[in-house]
Each structure stands twice: as C-alpha cells, then as structure tokens.
Amino acid sequence: VSEQTGSLLEEVVVESVEPGDHDRYSHYVRKEKIVESAVMGTPVIALCGKVWVPNRDPQKFPVCPECQEIYDGLREPQDGEK
C-alpha cells in the first residue's frame, strides 16, 4: 500500500484451498474490511474478485497480477471528490 497516495486499499494474502491451485498471492482489499475480517472472521473481497478470510502475512507473497493491474488503474481523487 502506498503511503504517498493515502490509499484506502491494503494488500493482504490469500491461501487458496482449491484443488490444483498452488499459488499464493497478496491481494488488494479495502482497509476497513481487513479490520472487520480480523474482528468478526468475515471473508473479504479482493480487487480481482477473490473471496477469502485473510490469515497470512502478505509481505511473504507476491502481489496478485490482476489486483496490481486494477490498483494501478485507479486514479487519485481530485479536490472535492471522495
């Protein structure tokens, strides 16, 4: 997550339990959803659409290419926009 942009997204990791899916990636998710997930144990939805309950250190895994592409395409809010 970029400190410079003040982003509302946070990078978290997903561990897939689907057969044949051995890749682990960090994904971008809204920060407030990470807190909610940590407290309530509810699943989060990444920019790429992946749904899971985060439980790993995202710093240990590469960023999901699809999440990164979407994140890079997000524009900064202009003055007066939310």
PDB file of N, CA and C in Angstrom:
ATOM      1  N   VAL A   1       0.853  -1.167   0.000  1.00  0.00           N
ATOM      2  CA  VAL A   1       0.000   0.000   0.000  1.00  0.00           C
ATOM      3  C   VAL A   1       0.893   1.223   0.000  1.00  0.00           C
ATOM      4  N   SER A   2       0.582   2.127  -0.815  1.00  0.00           N
ATOM      5  CA  SER A   2       1.411   3.314  -0.944  1.00  0.00           C
ATOM      6  C   SER A   2       1.085   4.312   0.151  1.00  0.00           C
ATOM      7  N   GLU A   3       2.101   4.703   0.889  1.00  0.00           N
ATOM      8  CA  GLU A   3       1.926   5.722   1.920  1.00  0.00           C
ATOM      9  C   GLU A   3       1.680   7.079   1.277  1.00  0.00           C
ATOM     10  N   GLN A   4       2.214   7.305   0.081  1.00  0.00           N
ATOM     11  CA  GLN A   4       2.105   8.592  -0.591  1.00  0.00           C
ATOM     12  C   GLN A   4       0.685   8.873  -1.052  1.00  0.00           C
ATOM     13  N   THR A   5      -0.043   7.856  -1.460  1.00  0.00           N
ATOM     14  CA  THR A   5      -1.361   8.081  -2.030  1.00  0.00           C
ATOM     15  C   THR A   5      -2.469   8.123  -0.998  1.00  0.00           C
ATOM     16  N   GLY A   6      -2.212   7.683   0.237  1.00  0.00           N
ATOM     17  CA  GLY A   6      -3.268   7.648   1.234  1.00  0.00           C
ATOM     18  C   GLY A   6      -4.364   6.686   0.831  1.00  0.00           C
ATOM     19  N   SER A   7      -4.008   5.609   0.219  1.00  0.00           N
ATOM     20  CA  SER A   7      -4.948   4.642  -0.331  1.00  0.00           C
ATOM     21  C   SER A   7      -5.842   4.031   0.735  1.00  0.00           C
ATOM     22  N   LEU A   8      -7.047   3.703   0.337  1.00  0.00           N
ATOM     23  CA  LEU A   8      -7.977   3.007   1.212  1.00  0.00           C
ATOM     24  C   LEU A   8      -7.878   1.503   1.023  1.00  0.00           C
ATOM     25  N   LEU A   9      -6.929   1.067   0.229  1.00  0.00           N
ATOM     26  CA  LEU A   9      -6.761  -0.357  -0.026  1.00  0.00           C
ATOM     27  C   LEU A   9      -5.551  -0.865   0.717  1.00  0.00           C
ATOM     28  N   GLU A  10      -5.611  -2.118   1.095  1.00  0.00           N
ATOM     29  CA  GLU A  10      -4.494  -2.737   1.788  1.00  0.00           C
ATOM     30  C   GLU A  10      -4.209  -4.076   1.125  1.00  0.00           C
ATOM     31  N   GLU A  11      -2.943  -4.407   1.079  1.00  0.00           N
ATOM     32  CA  GLU A  11      -2.524  -5.657   0.477  1.00  0.00           C
ATOM     33  C   GLU A  11      -2.591  -6.754   1.530  1.00  0.00           C
ATOM     34  N   VAL A  12      -3.333  -7.824   1.231  1.00  0.00           N
ATOM     35  CA  VAL A  12      -3.416  -8.972   2.133  1.00  0.00           C
ATOM     36  C   VAL A  12      -3.237 -10.240   1.324  1.00  0.00           C
ATOM     37  N   VAL A  13      -2.927 -11.317   1.997  1.00  0.00           N
ATOM     38  CA  VAL A  13      -2.621 -12.553   1.288  1.00  0.00           C
ATOM     39  C   VAL A  13      -3.804 -13.508   1.304  1.00  0.00           C
ATOM     40  N   VAL A  14      -3.903 -14.295   0.257  1.00  0.00           N
ATOM     41  CA  VAL A  14      -4.917 -15.333   0.170  1.00  0.00           C
ATOM     42  C   VAL A  14      -4.217 -16.682   0.080  1.00  0.00           C
ATOM     43  N   GLU A  15      -4.757 -17.637   0.778  1.00  0.00           N
ATOM     44  CA  GLU A  15      -4.280 -19.003   0.625  1.00  0.00           C
ATOM     45  C   GLU A  15      -5.429 -19.772   0.009  1.00  0.00           C
ATOM     46  N   SER A  16      -5.242 -20.229  -1.199  1.00  0.00           N
ATOM     47  CA  SER A  16      -6.296 -20.939  -1.891  1.00  0.00           C
ATOM     48  C   SER A  16      -6.350 -22.379  -1.414  1.00  0.00           C
ATOM     49  N   VAL A  17      -7.548 -22.889  -1.267  1.00  0.00           N
ATOM     50  CA  VAL A  17      -7.721 -24.284  -0.896  1.00  0.00           C
ATOM     51  C   VAL A  17      -8.367 -25.067  -2.029  1.00  0.00           C
ATOM     52  N   GLU A  18      -8.425 -24.455  -3.207  1.00  0.00           N
ATOM     53  CA  GLU A  18      -8.991 -25.124  -4.365  1.00  0.00           C
ATOM     54  C   GLU A  18      -7.997 -26.137  -4.903  1.00  0.00           C
ATOM     55  N   PRO A  19      -8.472 -27.315  -5.309  1.00  0.00           N
ATOM     56  CA  PRO A  19      -7.565 -28.325  -5.854  1.00  0.00           C
ATOM     57  C   PRO A  19      -6.795 -27.789  -7.055  1.00  0.00           C
ATOM     58  N   GLY A  20      -5.502 -28.061  -7.084  1.00  0.00           N
ATOM     59  CA  GLY A  20      -4.668 -27.652  -8.211  1.00  0.00           C
ATOM     60  C   GLY A  20      -4.190 -26.220  -8.159  1.00  0.00           C
ATOM     61  N   ASP A  21      -4.647 -25.463  -7.195  1.00  0.00           N
ATOM     62  CA  ASP A  21      -4.235 -24.063  -7.100  1.00  0.00           C
ATOM     63  C   ASP A  21      -3.159 -23.949  -6.029  1.00  0.00           C
ATOM     64  N   HIS A  22      -1.903 -23.978  -6.454  1.00  0.00           N
ATOM     65  CA  HIS A  22      -0.795 -23.971  -5.516  1.00  0.00           C
ATOM     66  C   HIS A  22      -0.205 -22.582  -5.325  1.00  0.00           C
ATOM     67  N   ASP A  23      -0.704 -21.597  -6.045  1.00  0.00           N
ATOM     68  CA  ASP A  23      -0.147 -20.247  -5.957  1.00  0.00           C
ATOM     69  C   ASP A  23      -0.733 -19.499  -4.774  1.00  0.00           C
ATOM     70  N   ARG A  24       0.114 -18.754  -4.134  1.00  0.00           N
ATOM     71  CA  ARG A  24      -0.323 -17.864  -3.058  1.00  0.00           C
ATOM     72  C   ARG A  24       0.067 -16.456  -3.451  1.00  0.00           C
ATOM     73  N   TYR A  25      -0.870 -15.536  -3.306  1.00  0.00           N
ATOM     74  CA  TYR A  25      -0.629 -14.143  -3.660  1.00  0.00           C
ATOM     75  C   TYR A  25      -1.120 -13.224  -2.560  1.00  0.00           C
ATOM     76  N   SER A  26      -0.542 -12.045  -2.505  1.00  0.00           N
ATOM     77  CA  SER A  26      -1.098 -10.943  -1.732  1.00  0.00           C
ATOM     78  C   SER A  26      -2.130 -10.273  -2.624  1.00  0.00           C
ATOM     79  N   HIS A  27      -3.239  -9.854  -2.037  1.00  0.00           N
ATOM     80  CA  HIS A  27      -4.304  -9.208  -2.798  1.00  0.00           C
ATOM     81  C   HIS A  27      -4.620  -7.853  -2.184  1.00  0.00           C
ATOM     82  N   TYR A  28      -5.191  -6.958  -2.993  1.00  0.00           N
ATOM     83  CA  TYR A  28      -5.625  -5.653  -2.503  1.00  0.00           C
ATOM     84  C   TYR A  28      -7.084  -5.723  -2.060  1.00  0.00           C
ATOM     85  N   VAL A  29      -7.334  -5.214  -0.834  1.00  0.00           N
ATOM     86  CA  VAL A  29      -8.660  -5.215  -0.214  1.00  0.00           C
ATOM     87  C   VAL A  29      -8.827  -3.889   0.523  1.00  0.00           C
ATOM     88  N   ARG A  30     -10.059  -3.409   0.646  1.00  0.00           N
ATOM     89  CA  ARG A  30     -10.303  -2.172   1.396  1.00  0.00           C
ATOM     90  C   ARG A  30      -9.875  -2.359   2.851  1.00  0.00           C
ATOM     91  N   LYS A  31      -9.167  -1.357   3.374  1.00  0.00           N
ATOM     92  CA  LYS A  31      -8.606  -1.445   4.728  1.00  0.00           C
ATOM     93  C   LYS A  31      -9.658  -1.742   5.790  1.00  0.00           C
ATOM     94  N   GLU A  32     -10.810  -1.071   5.706  1.00  0.00           N
ATOM     95  CA  GLU A  32     -11.824  -1.279   6.742  1.00  0.00           C
ATOM     96  C   GLU A  32     -12.353  -2.711   6.740  1.00  0.00           C
ATOM     97  N   LYS A  33     -12.313  -3.365   5.600  1.00  0.00           N
ATOM     98  CA  LYS A  33     -12.757  -4.758   5.518  1.00  0.00           C
ATOM     99  C   LYS A  33     -11.759  -5.700   6.179  1.00  0.00           C
ATOM    100  N   ILE A  34     -10.474  -5.337   6.166  1.00  0.00           N
ATOM    101  CA  ILE A  34      -9.451  -6.142   6.832  1.00  0.00           C
ATOM    102  C   ILE A  34      -9.695  -6.126   8.336  1.00  0.00           C
ATOM    103  N   VAL A  35      -9.988  -4.947   8.881  1.00  0.00           N
ATOM    104  CA  VAL A  35     -10.257  -4.825  10.315  1.00  0.00           C
ATOM    105  C   VAL A  35     -11.495  -5.643  10.670  1.00  0.00           C
ATOM    106  N   GLU A  36     -12.551  -5.490   9.879  1.00  0.00           N
ATOM    107  CA  GLU A  36     -13.787  -6.234  10.124  1.00  0.00           C
ATOM    108  C   GLU A  36     -13.529  -7.739  10.084  1.00  0.00           C
ATOM    109  N   SER A  37     -12.752  -8.179   9.119  1.00  0.00           N
ATOM    110  CA  SER A  37     -12.434  -9.597   8.987  1.00  0.00           C
ATOM    111  C   SER A  37     -11.644 -10.103  10.188  1.00  0.00           C
ATOM    112  N   ALA A  38     -10.698  -9.293  10.655  1.00  0.00           N
ATOM    113  CA  ALA A  38      -9.879  -9.689  11.799  1.00  0.00           C
ATOM    114  C   ALA A  38     -10.725  -9.824  13.065  1.00  0.00           C
ATOM    115  N   VAL A  39     -11.709  -8.943  13.226  1.00  0.00           N
ATOM    116  CA  VAL A  39     -12.549  -8.953  14.426  1.00  0.00           C
ATOM    117  C   VAL A  39     -13.661  -9.995  14.328  1.00  0.00           C
ATOM    118  N   MET A  40     -14.330 -10.028  13.181  1.00  0.00           N
ATOM    119  CA  MET A  40     -15.519 -10.870  13.028  1.00  0.00           C
ATOM    120  C   MET A  40     -15.251 -12.205  12.324  1.00  0.00           C
ATOM    121  N   GLY A  41     -14.119 -12.307  11.653  1.00  0.00           N
ATOM    122  CA  GLY A  41     -13.827 -13.530  10.907  1.00  0.00           C
ATOM    123  C   GLY A  41     -14.587 -13.634   9.598  1.00  0.00           C
ATOM    124  N   THR A  42     -15.067 -12.493   9.105  1.00  0.00           N
ATOM    125  CA  THR A  42     -15.830 -12.492   7.859  1.00  0.00           C
ATOM    126  C   THR A  42     -14.895 -12.468   6.655  1.00  0.00           C
ATOM    127  N   PRO A  43     -15.322 -13.050   5.538  1.00  0.00           N
ATOM    128  CA  PRO A  43     -14.492 -13.029   4.328  1.00  0.00           C
ATOM    129  C   PRO A  43     -14.377 -11.624   3.751  1.00  0.00           C
ATOM    130  N   VAL A  44     -13.308 -11.402   2.997  1.00  0.00           N
ATOM    131  CA  VAL A  44     -13.084 -10.144   2.286  1.00  0.00           C
ATOM    132  C   VAL A  44     -13.095 -10.427   0.792  1.00  0.00           C
ATOM    133  N   ILE A  45     -13.262  -9.366  -0.003  1.00  0.00           N
ATOM    134  CA  ILE A  45     -13.249  -9.498  -1.460  1.00  0.00           C
ATOM    135  C   ILE A  45     -12.124  -8.632  -2.004  1.00  0.00           C
ATOM    136  N   ALA A  46     -11.202  -9.254  -2.724  1.00  0.00           N
ATOM    137  CA  ALA A  46     -10.075  -8.543  -3.330  1.00  0.00           C
ATOM    138  C   ALA A  46     -10.525  -7.808  -4.584  1.00  0.00           C
ATOM    139  N   LEU A  47      -9.692  -6.889  -5.055  1.00  0.00           N
ATOM    140  CA  LEU A  47      -9.990  -6.173  -6.299  1.00  0.00           C
ATOM    141  C   LEU A  47     -10.230  -7.137  -7.454  1.00  0.00           C
ATOM    142  N   CYS A  48      -9.527  -8.261  -7.457  1.00  0.00           N
ATOM    143  CA  CYS A  48      -9.651  -9.241  -8.539  1.00  0.00           C
ATOM    144  C   CYS A  48     -10.891 -10.114  -8.396  1.00  0.00           C
ATOM    145  N   GLY A  49     -11.600 -10.005  -7.268  1.00  0.00           N
ATOM    146  CA  GLY A  49     -12.809 -10.783  -7.049  1.00  0.00           C
ATOM    147  C   GLY A  49     -12.635 -11.987  -6.139  1.00  0.00           C
ATOM    148  N   LYS A  50     -11.421 -12.297  -5.747  1.00  0.00           N
ATOM    149  CA  LYS A  50     -11.161 -13.432  -4.858  1.00  0.00           C
ATOM    150  C   LYS A  50     -11.795 -13.168  -3.499  1.00  0.00           C
ATOM    151  N   VAL A  51     -12.477 -14.170  -2.945  1.00  0.00           N
ATOM    152  CA  VAL A  51     -13.128 -14.062  -1.642  1.00  0.00           C
ATOM    153  C   VAL A  51     -12.465 -15.057  -0.697  1.00  0.00           C
ATOM    154  N   TRP A  52     -12.065 -14.583   0.498  1.00  0.00           N
ATOM    155  CA  TRP A  52     -11.416 -15.450   1.488  1.00  0.00           C
ATOM    156  C   TRP A  52     -11.321 -14.734   2.823  1.00  0.00           C
ATOM    157  N   VAL A  53     -10.944 -15.475   3.858  1.00  0.00           N
ATOM    158  CA  VAL A  53     -10.670 -14.899   5.174  1.00  0.00           C
ATOM    159  C   VAL A  53      -9.155 -14.826   5.314  1.00  0.00           C
ATOM    160  N   PRO A  54      -8.577 -13.617   5.359  1.00  0.00           N
ATOM    161  CA  PRO A  54      -7.121 -13.472   5.447  1.00  0.00           C
ATOM    162  C   PRO A  54      -6.572 -14.056   6.750  1.00  0.00           C
ATOM    163  N   ASN A  55      -5.435 -14.746   6.623  1.00  0.00           N
ATOM    164  CA  ASN A  55      -4.818 -15.309   7.820  1.00  0.00           C
ATOM    165  C   ASN A  55      -3.306 -15.466   7.680  1.00  0.00           C
ATOM    166  N   ARG A  56      -2.708 -14.806   6.690  1.00  0.00           N
ATOM    167  CA  ARG A  56      -1.267 -14.916   6.470  1.00  0.00           C
ATOM    168  C   ARG A  56      -0.645 -13.528   6.342  1.00  0.00           C
ATOM    169  N   ASP A  57       0.672 -13.462   6.494  1.00  0.00           N
ATOM    170  CA  ASP A  57       1.428 -12.221   6.334  1.00  0.00           C
ATOM    171  C   ASP A  57       1.573 -11.912   4.846  1.00  0.00           C
ATOM    172  N   PRO A  58       0.972 -10.815   4.357  1.00  0.00           N
ATOM    173  CA  PRO A  58       1.027 -10.513   2.922  1.00  0.00           C
ATOM    174  C   PRO A  58       2.424 -10.176   2.422  1.00  0.00           C
ATOM    175  N   GLN A  59       3.328  -9.809   3.322  1.00  0.00           N
ATOM    176  CA  GLN A  59       4.684  -9.450   2.902  1.00  0.00           C
ATOM    177  C   GLN A  59       5.461 -10.652   2.378  1.00  0.00           C
ATOM    178  N   LYS A  60       4.998 -11.846   2.657  1.00  0.00           N
ATOM    179  CA  LYS A  60       5.721 -13.064   2.269  1.00  0.00           C
ATOM    180  C   LYS A  60       5.374 -13.559   0.868  1.00  0.00           C
ATOM    181  N   PHE A  61       4.428 -12.913   0.193  1.00  0.00           N
ATOM    182  CA  PHE A  61       3.941 -13.411  -1.085  1.00  0.00           C
ATOM    183  C   PHE A  61       3.945 -12.319  -2.151  1.00  0.00           C
ATOM    184  N   PRO A  62       4.056 -12.709  -3.415  1.00  0.00           N
ATOM    185  CA  PRO A  62       3.983 -11.722  -4.498  1.00  0.00           C
ATOM    186  C   PRO A  62       2.554 -11.195  -4.647  1.00  0.00           C
ATOM    187  N   VAL A  63       2.436  -9.997  -5.192  1.00  0.00           N
ATOM    188  CA  VAL A  63       1.122  -9.385  -5.395  1.00  0.00           C
ATOM    189  C   VAL A  63       0.420 -10.057  -6.569  1.00  0.00           C
ATOM    190  N   CYS A  64      -0.857 -10.288  -6.406  1.00  0.00           N
ATOM    191  CA  CYS A  64      -1.696 -10.850  -7.466  1.00  0.00           C
ATOM    192  C   CYS A  64      -1.600  -9.939  -8.688  1.00  0.00           C
ATOM    193  N   PRO A  65      -1.237 -10.484  -9.843  1.00  0.00           N
ATOM    194  CA  PRO A  65      -1.101  -9.643 -11.040  1.00  0.00           C
ATOM    195  C   PRO A  65      -2.396  -8.915 -11.418  1.00  0.00           C
ATOM    196  N   GLU A  66      -3.536  -9.574 -11.243  1.00  0.00           N
ATOM    197  CA  GLU A  66      -4.808  -8.942 -11.598  1.00  0.00           C
ATOM    198  C   GLU A  66      -5.142  -7.805 -10.630  1.00  0.00           C
ATOM    199  N   CYS A  67      -4.925  -8.024  -9.335  1.00  0.00           N
ATOM    200  CA  CYS A  67      -5.140  -6.949  -8.350  1.00  0.00           C
ATOM    201  C   CYS A  67      -4.225  -5.768  -8.642  1.00  0.00           C
ATOM    202  N   GLN A  68      -2.960  -6.052  -8.957  1.00  0.00           N
ATOM    203  CA  GLN A  68      -1.995  -4.983  -9.222  1.00  0.00           C
ATOM    204  C   GLN A  68      -2.417  -4.160 -10.434  1.00  0.00           C
ATOM    205  N   GLU A  69      -2.890  -4.834 -11.480  1.00  0.00           N
ATOM    206  CA  GLU A  69      -3.328  -4.131 -12.689  1.00  0.00           C
ATOM    207  C   GLU A  69      -4.513  -3.218 -12.379  1.00  0.00           C
ATOM    208  N   ILE A  70      -5.464  -3.715 -11.610  1.00  0.00           N
ATOM    209  CA  ILE A  70      -6.631  -2.910 -11.240  1.00  0.00           C
ATOM    210  C   ILE A  70      -6.203  -1.746 -10.349  1.00  0.00           C
ATOM    211  N   TYR A  71      -5.367  -2.031  -9.353  1.00  0.00           N
ATOM    212  CA  TYR A  71      -4.886  -0.995  -8.429  1.00  0.00           C
ATOM    213  C   TYR A  71      -4.152   0.109  -9.185  1.00  0.00           C
ATOM    214  N   ASP A  72      -3.289  -0.280 -10.120  1.00  0.00           N
ATOM    215  CA  ASP A  72      -2.537   0.699 -10.906  1.00  0.00           C
ATOM    216  C   ASP A  72      -3.448   1.567 -11.763  1.00  0.00           C
ATOM    217  N   GLY A  73      -4.626   1.057 -12.111  1.00  0.00           N
ATOM    218  CA  GLY A  73      -5.564   1.799 -12.938  1.00  0.00           C
ATOM    219  C   GLY A  73      -6.457   2.747 -12.157  1.00  0.00           C
ATOM    220  N   LEU A  74      -6.429   2.641 -10.825  1.00  0.00           N
ATOM    221  CA  LEU A  74      -7.249   3.536 -10.009  1.00  0.00           C
ATOM    222  C   LEU A  74      -6.640   4.926 -10.027  1.00  0.00           C
ATOM    223  N   ARG A  75      -7.480   5.934 -10.122  1.00  0.00           N
ATOM    224  CA  ARG A  75      -6.957   7.300 -10.132  1.00  0.00           C
ATOM    225  C   ARG A  75      -7.141   7.922  -8.761  1.00  0.00           C
ATOM    226  N   GLU A  76      -6.321   8.902  -8.491  1.00  0.00           N
ATOM    227  CA  GLU A  76      -6.403   9.639  -7.234  1.00  0.00           C
ATOM    228  C   GLU A  76      -7.625  10.553  -7.268  1.00  0.00           C
ATOM    229  N   PRO A  77      -8.353  10.674  -6.136  1.00  0.00           N
ATOM    230  CA  PRO A  77      -9.472  11.618  -6.095  1.00  0.00           C
ATOM    231  C   PRO A  77      -8.981  13.046  -6.309  1.00  0.00           C
ATOM    232  N   GLN A  78      -9.754  13.809  -7.052  1.00  0.00           N
ATOM    233  CA  GLN A  78      -9.439  15.216  -7.272  1.00  0.00           C
ATOM    234  C   GLN A  78     -10.029  16.027  -6.121  1.00  0.00           C
ATOM    235  N   ASP A  79      -9.610  17.279  -5.973  1.00  0.00           N
ATOM    236  CA  ASP A  79     -10.144  18.129  -4.905  1.00  0.00           C
ATOM    237  C   ASP A  79     -11.668  18.137  -4.961  1.00  0.00           C
ATOM    238  N   GLY A  80     -12.278  17.906  -3.816  1.00  0.00           N
ATOM    239  CA  GLY A  80     -13.734  17.921  -3.734  1.00  0.00           C
ATOM    240  C   GLY A  80     -14.370  16.568  -3.977  1.00  0.00           C
ATOM    241  N   GLU A  81     -13.608  15.587  -4.454  1.00  0.00           N
ATOM    242  CA  GLU A  81     -14.145  14.246  -4.682  1.00  0.00           C
ATOM    243  C   GLU A  81     -13.814  13.359  -3.498  1.00  0.00           C
ATOM    244  N   LYS A  82     -14.622  12.339  -3.310  1.00  0.00           N
ATOM    245  CA  LYS A  82     -14.361  11.363  -2.248  1.00  0.00           C
ATOM    246  C   LYS A  82     -13.910  10.070  -2.861  1.00  0.00           C
TER     247      LYS A  82
END
